[in-house]
Amino acid sequence: MQARHRLTGQADFRRVRRTGTSYSHPLFILVVSASELPAVRLGVSASRSMGTAVRRNRAKRRLREAFRPLMPDLPGGWDLVVVARPALLEADWPALQAAARHLVKRAGLQRSESNLRGERLG
């Protein structure tokens, strides 16, 4: 994921968590907040309750990859924070992709149907 699409600063994470709207799923929580930037940015978080650093990093990699095909179809001007839940590590890949599509749709960020199925463009 390109750097301009990553949410990295602690202050940005706090702002999104404080001012955003959250949507929950058994695998993760999606928090959405408006931004003044033209691009959509994604930040991923996994707490120590997920386990060791290896397990937390694996959870974050899986979440980033699940949201990657959805990012081009999301409208700009939004910051997203995804918080992993422990069930994420045991979930199979299609369930994780379906959860990401479902929460993006619930948040009202769906711009088109074309890429929400996780299909590669081009």
N, C-alpha and C. Protein backbone atom coordinates (compact mmCIF):
# COMPACT_ATOMS: atom_id res chain seq x y z
N MET A 1 0.84 -1.17 0.00
CA MET A 1 0.00 0.00 0.00
C MET A 1 0.89 1.24 0.00
N GLN A 2 0.56 2.18 -0.84
CA GLN A 2 1.37 3.39 -0.96
C GLN A 2 1.32 4.20 0.33
N ALA A 3 2.39 4.94 0.57
CA ALA A 3 2.50 5.72 1.81
C ALA A 3 1.39 6.76 1.95
N ARG A 4 0.93 7.31 0.83
CA ARG A 4 -0.12 8.33 0.92
C ARG A 4 -1.46 7.74 1.32
N HIS A 5 -1.58 6.42 1.28
CA HIS A 5 -2.80 5.74 1.69
C HIS A 5 -2.69 5.12 3.08
N ARG A 6 -1.59 5.39 3.78
CA ARG A 6 -1.38 4.82 5.12
C ARG A 6 -1.59 5.89 6.18
N LEU A 7 -2.26 5.52 7.21
CA LEU A 7 -2.45 6.39 8.37
C LEU A 7 -1.41 5.93 9.39
N THR A 8 -0.45 6.79 9.74
CA THR A 8 0.65 6.35 10.58
C THR A 8 0.81 7.11 11.89
N GLY A 9 0.42 8.34 11.93
CA GLY A 9 0.66 9.16 13.12
C GLY A 9 -0.27 8.82 14.28
N GLN A 10 0.28 8.81 15.48
CA GLN A 10 -0.51 8.52 16.68
C GLN A 10 -1.64 9.53 16.85
N ALA A 11 -1.38 10.78 16.53
CA ALA A 11 -2.41 11.82 16.65
C ALA A 11 -3.56 11.55 15.69
N ASP A 12 -3.24 11.08 14.49
CA ASP A 12 -4.30 10.75 13.52
C ASP A 12 -5.15 9.58 14.00
N PHE A 13 -4.51 8.55 14.56
CA PHE A 13 -5.25 7.42 15.10
C PHE A 13 -6.19 7.89 16.21
N ARG A 14 -5.70 8.74 17.09
CA ARG A 14 -6.52 9.25 18.19
C ARG A 14 -7.70 10.06 17.67
N ARG A 15 -7.43 10.92 16.68
CA ARG A 15 -8.50 11.75 16.12
C ARG A 15 -9.59 10.88 15.50
N VAL A 16 -9.20 9.88 14.73
CA VAL A 16 -10.18 9.02 14.09
C VAL A 16 -10.99 8.26 15.13
N ARG A 17 -10.31 7.72 16.15
CA ARG A 17 -11.02 6.97 17.19
C ARG A 17 -11.96 7.87 17.99
N ARG A 18 -11.56 9.13 18.19
CA ARG A 18 -12.36 10.06 18.99
C ARG A 18 -13.55 10.61 18.21
N THR A 19 -13.35 10.98 16.95
CA THR A 19 -14.39 11.67 16.19
C THR A 19 -15.12 10.77 15.21
N GLY A 20 -14.61 9.59 14.96
CA GLY A 20 -15.19 8.73 13.93
C GLY A 20 -16.37 7.91 14.40
N THR A 21 -16.98 7.26 13.43
CA THR A 21 -18.08 6.34 13.66
C THR A 21 -17.54 4.93 13.53
N SER A 22 -17.91 4.06 14.47
CA SER A 22 -17.36 2.71 14.44
C SER A 22 -18.41 1.70 13.98
N TYR A 23 -17.92 0.67 13.31
CA TYR A 23 -18.73 -0.42 12.80
C TYR A 23 -18.02 -1.70 13.23
N SER A 24 -18.73 -2.57 13.93
CA SER A 24 -18.05 -3.74 14.46
C SER A 24 -18.45 -5.03 13.75
N HIS A 25 -17.56 -5.96 13.81
CA HIS A 25 -17.70 -7.30 13.25
C HIS A 25 -16.94 -8.21 14.21
N PRO A 26 -17.27 -9.48 14.30
CA PRO A 26 -16.52 -10.36 15.20
C PRO A 26 -15.02 -10.44 14.90
N LEU A 27 -14.60 -10.12 13.67
CA LEU A 27 -13.18 -10.22 13.31
C LEU A 27 -12.41 -8.93 13.54
N PHE A 28 -13.06 -7.79 13.37
CA PHE A 28 -12.38 -6.50 13.55
C PHE A 28 -13.40 -5.39 13.67
N ILE A 29 -12.90 -4.20 14.03
CA ILE A 29 -13.73 -3.00 14.16
C ILE A 29 -13.21 -2.00 13.13
N LEU A 30 -14.13 -1.36 12.42
CA LEU A 30 -13.79 -0.33 11.45
C LEU A 30 -14.26 1.00 12.00
N VAL A 31 -13.36 1.98 12.10
CA VAL A 31 -13.70 3.33 12.55
C VAL A 31 -13.45 4.27 11.38
N VAL A 32 -14.45 5.06 11.03
CA VAL A 32 -14.40 5.93 9.86
C VAL A 32 -14.56 7.37 10.30
N SER A 33 -13.69 8.24 9.80
CA SER A 33 -13.76 9.66 10.12
C SER A 33 -13.44 10.48 8.87
N ALA A 34 -14.13 11.59 8.71
CA ALA A 34 -13.88 12.47 7.56
C ALA A 34 -12.51 13.11 7.68
N SER A 35 -11.91 13.37 6.53
CA SER A 35 -10.59 13.98 6.46
C SER A 35 -10.60 15.07 5.40
N GLU A 36 -9.66 15.99 5.49
CA GLU A 36 -9.57 17.06 4.50
C GLU A 36 -8.66 16.69 3.34
N LEU A 37 -8.03 15.53 3.40
CA LEU A 37 -7.13 15.11 2.34
C LEU A 37 -7.89 14.46 1.20
N PRO A 38 -7.36 14.54 -0.02
CA PRO A 38 -8.08 13.99 -1.17
C PRO A 38 -8.07 12.46 -1.24
N ALA A 39 -7.17 11.82 -0.56
CA ALA A 39 -7.06 10.36 -0.62
C ALA A 39 -7.67 9.72 0.62
N VAL A 40 -8.06 8.48 0.49
CA VAL A 40 -8.51 7.72 1.64
C VAL A 40 -7.26 7.10 2.29
N ARG A 41 -7.20 7.14 3.63
CA ARG A 41 -6.04 6.58 4.33
C ARG A 41 -6.51 5.48 5.27
N LEU A 42 -5.68 4.45 5.42
CA LEU A 42 -6.01 3.30 6.24
C LEU A 42 -4.94 3.11 7.30
N GLY A 43 -5.38 2.93 8.54
CA GLY A 43 -4.48 2.60 9.64
C GLY A 43 -4.96 1.31 10.27
N VAL A 44 -4.03 0.46 10.65
CA VAL A 44 -4.36 -0.84 11.22
C VAL A 44 -3.74 -0.95 12.61
N SER A 45 -4.52 -1.50 13.53
CA SER A 45 -4.06 -1.62 14.91
C SER A 45 -4.39 -3.00 15.45
N ALA A 46 -3.50 -3.52 16.28
CA ALA A 46 -3.72 -4.80 16.96
C ALA A 46 -3.15 -4.66 18.37
N SER A 47 -3.98 -4.86 19.37
CA SER A 47 -3.53 -4.68 20.74
C SER A 47 -2.78 -5.92 21.24
N ARG A 48 -2.19 -5.78 22.39
CA ARG A 48 -1.43 -6.89 22.97
C ARG A 48 -2.31 -8.07 23.35
N SER A 49 -3.61 -7.86 23.42
CA SER A 49 -4.51 -8.98 23.72
C SER A 49 -4.54 -9.99 22.57
N MET A 50 -4.01 -9.59 21.41
CA MET A 50 -3.92 -10.50 20.26
C MET A 50 -2.83 -11.55 20.47
N GLY A 51 -1.89 -11.25 21.33
CA GLY A 51 -0.81 -12.19 21.59
C GLY A 51 0.55 -11.57 21.32
N THR A 52 1.48 -12.40 20.90
CA THR A 52 2.86 -11.97 20.68
C THR A 52 2.95 -11.01 19.50
N ALA A 53 4.10 -10.40 19.33
CA ALA A 53 4.32 -9.47 18.22
C ALA A 53 4.14 -10.17 16.88
N VAL A 54 4.51 -11.43 16.79
CA VAL A 54 4.36 -12.18 15.55
C VAL A 54 2.87 -12.28 15.19
N ARG A 55 2.04 -12.60 16.16
CA ARG A 55 0.59 -12.72 15.92
C ARG A 55 -0.04 -11.36 15.59
N ARG A 56 0.39 -10.31 16.29
CA ARG A 56 -0.15 -8.97 16.01
C ARG A 56 0.23 -8.51 14.61
N ASN A 57 1.46 -8.71 14.22
CA ASN A 57 1.91 -8.30 12.89
C ASN A 57 1.21 -9.10 11.80
N ARG A 58 0.99 -10.39 12.04
CA ARG A 58 0.28 -11.21 11.07
C ARG A 58 -1.15 -10.71 10.89
N ALA A 59 -1.79 -10.36 12.00
CA ALA A 59 -3.16 -9.83 11.94
C ALA A 59 -3.20 -8.52 11.14
N LYS A 60 -2.23 -7.65 11.37
CA LYS A 60 -2.19 -6.38 10.65
C LYS A 60 -1.93 -6.58 9.16
N ARG A 61 -1.04 -7.51 8.83
CA ARG A 61 -0.78 -7.80 7.40
C ARG A 61 -2.04 -8.33 6.72
N ARG A 62 -2.75 -9.22 7.40
CA ARG A 62 -3.97 -9.79 6.82
C ARG A 62 -5.02 -8.70 6.60
N LEU A 63 -5.16 -7.78 7.55
CA LEU A 63 -6.14 -6.71 7.40
C LEU A 63 -5.77 -5.77 6.26
N ARG A 64 -4.50 -5.38 6.19
CA ARG A 64 -4.07 -4.51 5.09
C ARG A 64 -4.36 -5.15 3.74
N GLU A 65 -4.08 -6.44 3.63
CA GLU A 65 -4.28 -7.14 2.37
C GLU A 65 -5.77 -7.30 2.05
N ALA A 66 -6.61 -7.45 3.06
CA ALA A 66 -8.05 -7.57 2.83
C ALA A 66 -8.63 -6.25 2.33
N PHE A 67 -8.09 -5.14 2.79
CA PHE A 67 -8.59 -3.83 2.37
C PHE A 67 -7.94 -3.33 1.08
N ARG A 68 -6.82 -3.89 0.68
CA ARG A 68 -6.11 -3.42 -0.51
C ARG A 68 -6.98 -3.37 -1.77
N PRO A 69 -7.73 -4.43 -2.12
CA PRO A 69 -8.53 -4.34 -3.35
C PRO A 69 -9.72 -3.39 -3.23
N LEU A 70 -10.11 -3.03 -2.02
CA LEU A 70 -11.23 -2.12 -1.82
C LEU A 70 -10.84 -0.66 -1.92
N MET A 71 -9.58 -0.35 -1.64
CA MET A 71 -9.12 1.04 -1.55
C MET A 71 -9.36 1.87 -2.82
N PRO A 72 -9.11 1.35 -4.03
CA PRO A 72 -9.32 2.20 -5.21
C PRO A 72 -10.76 2.66 -5.40
N ASP A 73 -11.73 1.92 -4.88
CA ASP A 73 -13.12 2.28 -5.05
C ASP A 73 -13.70 3.09 -3.91
N LEU A 74 -12.89 3.39 -2.89
CA LEU A 74 -13.37 4.21 -1.78
C LEU A 74 -13.21 5.68 -2.13
N PRO A 75 -14.21 6.50 -1.79
CA PRO A 75 -14.10 7.93 -2.09
C PRO A 75 -13.03 8.59 -1.22
N GLY A 76 -12.36 9.59 -1.75
CA GLY A 76 -11.34 10.31 -1.00
C GLY A 76 -11.95 11.12 0.13
N GLY A 77 -11.09 11.57 1.03
CA GLY A 77 -11.56 12.41 2.12
C GLY A 77 -11.98 11.65 3.36
N TRP A 78 -11.51 10.40 3.49
CA TRP A 78 -11.84 9.59 4.66
C TRP A 78 -10.61 8.95 5.24
N ASP A 79 -10.58 8.86 6.56
CA ASP A 79 -9.54 8.11 7.27
C ASP A 79 -10.22 6.91 7.92
N LEU A 80 -9.60 5.73 7.76
CA LEU A 80 -10.13 4.50 8.31
C LEU A 80 -9.14 3.92 9.30
N VAL A 81 -9.61 3.48 10.43
CA VAL A 81 -8.79 2.74 11.38
C VAL A 81 -9.45 1.39 11.58
N VAL A 82 -8.68 0.33 11.40
CA VAL A 82 -9.17 -1.03 11.56
C VAL A 82 -8.47 -1.62 12.78
N VAL A 83 -9.27 -2.09 13.74
CA VAL A 83 -8.74 -2.65 14.97
C VAL A 83 -9.01 -4.16 14.96
N ALA A 84 -7.95 -4.94 15.00
CA ALA A 84 -8.08 -6.39 14.94
C ALA A 84 -8.65 -6.95 16.22
N ARG A 85 -9.41 -8.03 16.09
CA ARG A 85 -9.91 -8.79 17.23
C ARG A 85 -9.28 -10.18 17.19
N PRO A 86 -9.17 -10.85 18.32
CA PRO A 86 -8.47 -12.14 18.35
C PRO A 86 -9.00 -13.19 17.38
N ALA A 87 -10.30 -13.19 17.07
CA ALA A 87 -10.87 -14.18 16.16
C ALA A 87 -10.32 -14.05 14.75
N LEU A 88 -9.74 -12.91 14.43
CA LEU A 88 -9.20 -12.67 13.09
C LEU A 88 -8.13 -13.70 12.70
N LEU A 89 -7.31 -14.10 13.65
CA LEU A 89 -6.21 -15.01 13.33
C LEU A 89 -6.68 -16.41 12.97
N GLU A 90 -7.86 -16.81 13.43
CA GLU A 90 -8.37 -18.14 13.11
C GLU A 90 -9.32 -18.13 11.92
N ALA A 91 -9.71 -16.94 11.46
CA ALA A 91 -10.66 -16.84 10.35
C ALA A 91 -10.00 -17.21 9.03
N ASP A 92 -10.78 -17.82 8.15
CA ASP A 92 -10.23 -18.13 6.83
C ASP A 92 -10.27 -16.86 5.97
N TRP A 93 -9.51 -16.88 4.88
CA TRP A 93 -9.33 -15.70 4.04
C TRP A 93 -10.63 -15.21 3.41
N PRO A 94 -11.49 -16.09 2.84
CA PRO A 94 -12.75 -15.57 2.28
C PRO A 94 -13.64 -14.89 3.32
N ALA A 95 -13.65 -15.38 4.54
CA ALA A 95 -14.45 -14.75 5.59
C ALA A 95 -13.91 -13.36 5.93
N LEU A 96 -12.60 -13.22 5.93
CA LEU A 96 -11.98 -11.93 6.21
C LEU A 96 -12.29 -10.92 5.11
N GLN A 97 -12.21 -11.35 3.86
CA GLN A 97 -12.53 -10.47 2.74
C GLN A 97 -14.01 -10.06 2.77
N ALA A 98 -14.88 -11.01 3.07
CA ALA A 98 -16.32 -10.72 3.14
C ALA A 98 -16.61 -9.73 4.26
N ALA A 99 -15.94 -9.87 5.39
CA ALA A 99 -16.13 -8.94 6.51
C ALA A 99 -15.70 -7.53 6.12
N ALA A 100 -14.58 -7.41 5.43
CA ALA A 100 -14.10 -6.09 4.99
C ALA A 100 -15.11 -5.45 4.04
N ARG A 101 -15.59 -6.21 3.06
CA ARG A 101 -16.58 -5.67 2.12
C ARG A 101 -17.86 -5.27 2.85
N HIS A 102 -18.28 -6.10 3.80
CA HIS A 102 -19.52 -5.83 4.53
C HIS A 102 -19.43 -4.53 5.33
N LEU A 103 -18.33 -4.33 6.05
CA LEU A 103 -18.22 -3.12 6.87
C LEU A 103 -18.03 -1.87 6.02
N VAL A 104 -17.35 -1.98 4.90
CA VAL A 104 -17.21 -0.83 4.00
C VAL A 104 -18.59 -0.44 3.47
N LYS A 105 -19.38 -1.42 3.13
CA LYS A 105 -20.74 -1.15 2.64
C LYS A 105 -21.59 -0.55 3.75
N ARG A 106 -21.50 -1.10 4.97
CA ARG A 106 -22.26 -0.57 6.11
C ARG A 106 -21.89 0.87 6.43
N ALA A 107 -20.61 1.19 6.24
CA ALA A 107 -20.14 2.56 6.54
C ALA A 107 -20.55 3.55 5.46
N GLY A 108 -21.10 3.06 4.35
CA GLY A 108 -21.54 3.94 3.28
C GLY A 108 -20.41 4.46 2.42
N LEU A 109 -19.29 3.75 2.39
CA LEU A 109 -18.13 4.20 1.62
C LEU A 109 -18.06 3.53 0.24
N GLN A 110 -19.02 2.74 -0.06
CA GLN A 110 -19.01 2.00 -1.32
C GLN A 110 -19.31 2.97 -2.46
N ARG A 111 -18.38 3.07 -3.40
CA ARG A 111 -18.59 3.95 -4.54
C ARG A 111 -19.11 3.18 -5.73
N SER A 112 -18.61 1.96 -5.92
CA SER A 112 -19.08 1.14 -7.03
C SER A 112 -19.05 -0.32 -6.63
N GLU A 113 -19.80 -1.12 -7.33
CA GLU A 113 -19.87 -2.56 -7.04
C GLU A 113 -18.71 -3.31 -7.67
N SER A 114 -18.04 -2.72 -8.65
CA SER A 114 -17.07 -3.46 -9.47
C SER A 114 -15.98 -4.16 -8.68
N ASN A 115 -15.37 -3.47 -7.76
CA ASN A 115 -14.20 -4.05 -7.09
C ASN A 115 -14.49 -4.54 -5.67
N LEU A 116 -15.73 -4.45 -5.22
CA LEU A 116 -16.04 -4.87 -3.87
C LEU A 116 -16.03 -6.39 -3.72
N ARG A 117 -15.99 -7.09 -4.82
CA ARG A 117 -15.90 -8.54 -4.74
C ARG A 117 -14.44 -8.99 -4.62
N GLY A 118 -13.52 -8.06 -4.60
CA GLY A 118 -12.11 -8.41 -4.44
C GLY A 118 -11.44 -8.76 -5.75
N GLU A 119 -12.07 -8.43 -6.87
CA GLU A 119 -11.49 -8.75 -8.17
C GLU A 119 -10.36 -7.79 -8.47
N ARG A 120 -9.35 -8.29 -9.13
CA ARG A 120 -8.23 -7.44 -9.56
C ARG A 120 -8.62 -6.70 -10.84
N LEU A 121 -8.27 -5.45 -10.88
CA LEU A 121 -8.53 -4.66 -12.08
C LEU A 121 -7.33 -4.71 -13.00
N GLY A 122 -7.59 -4.68 -14.31
CA GLY A 122 -6.49 -4.61 -15.27
C GLY A 122 -5.95 -5.88 -15.58
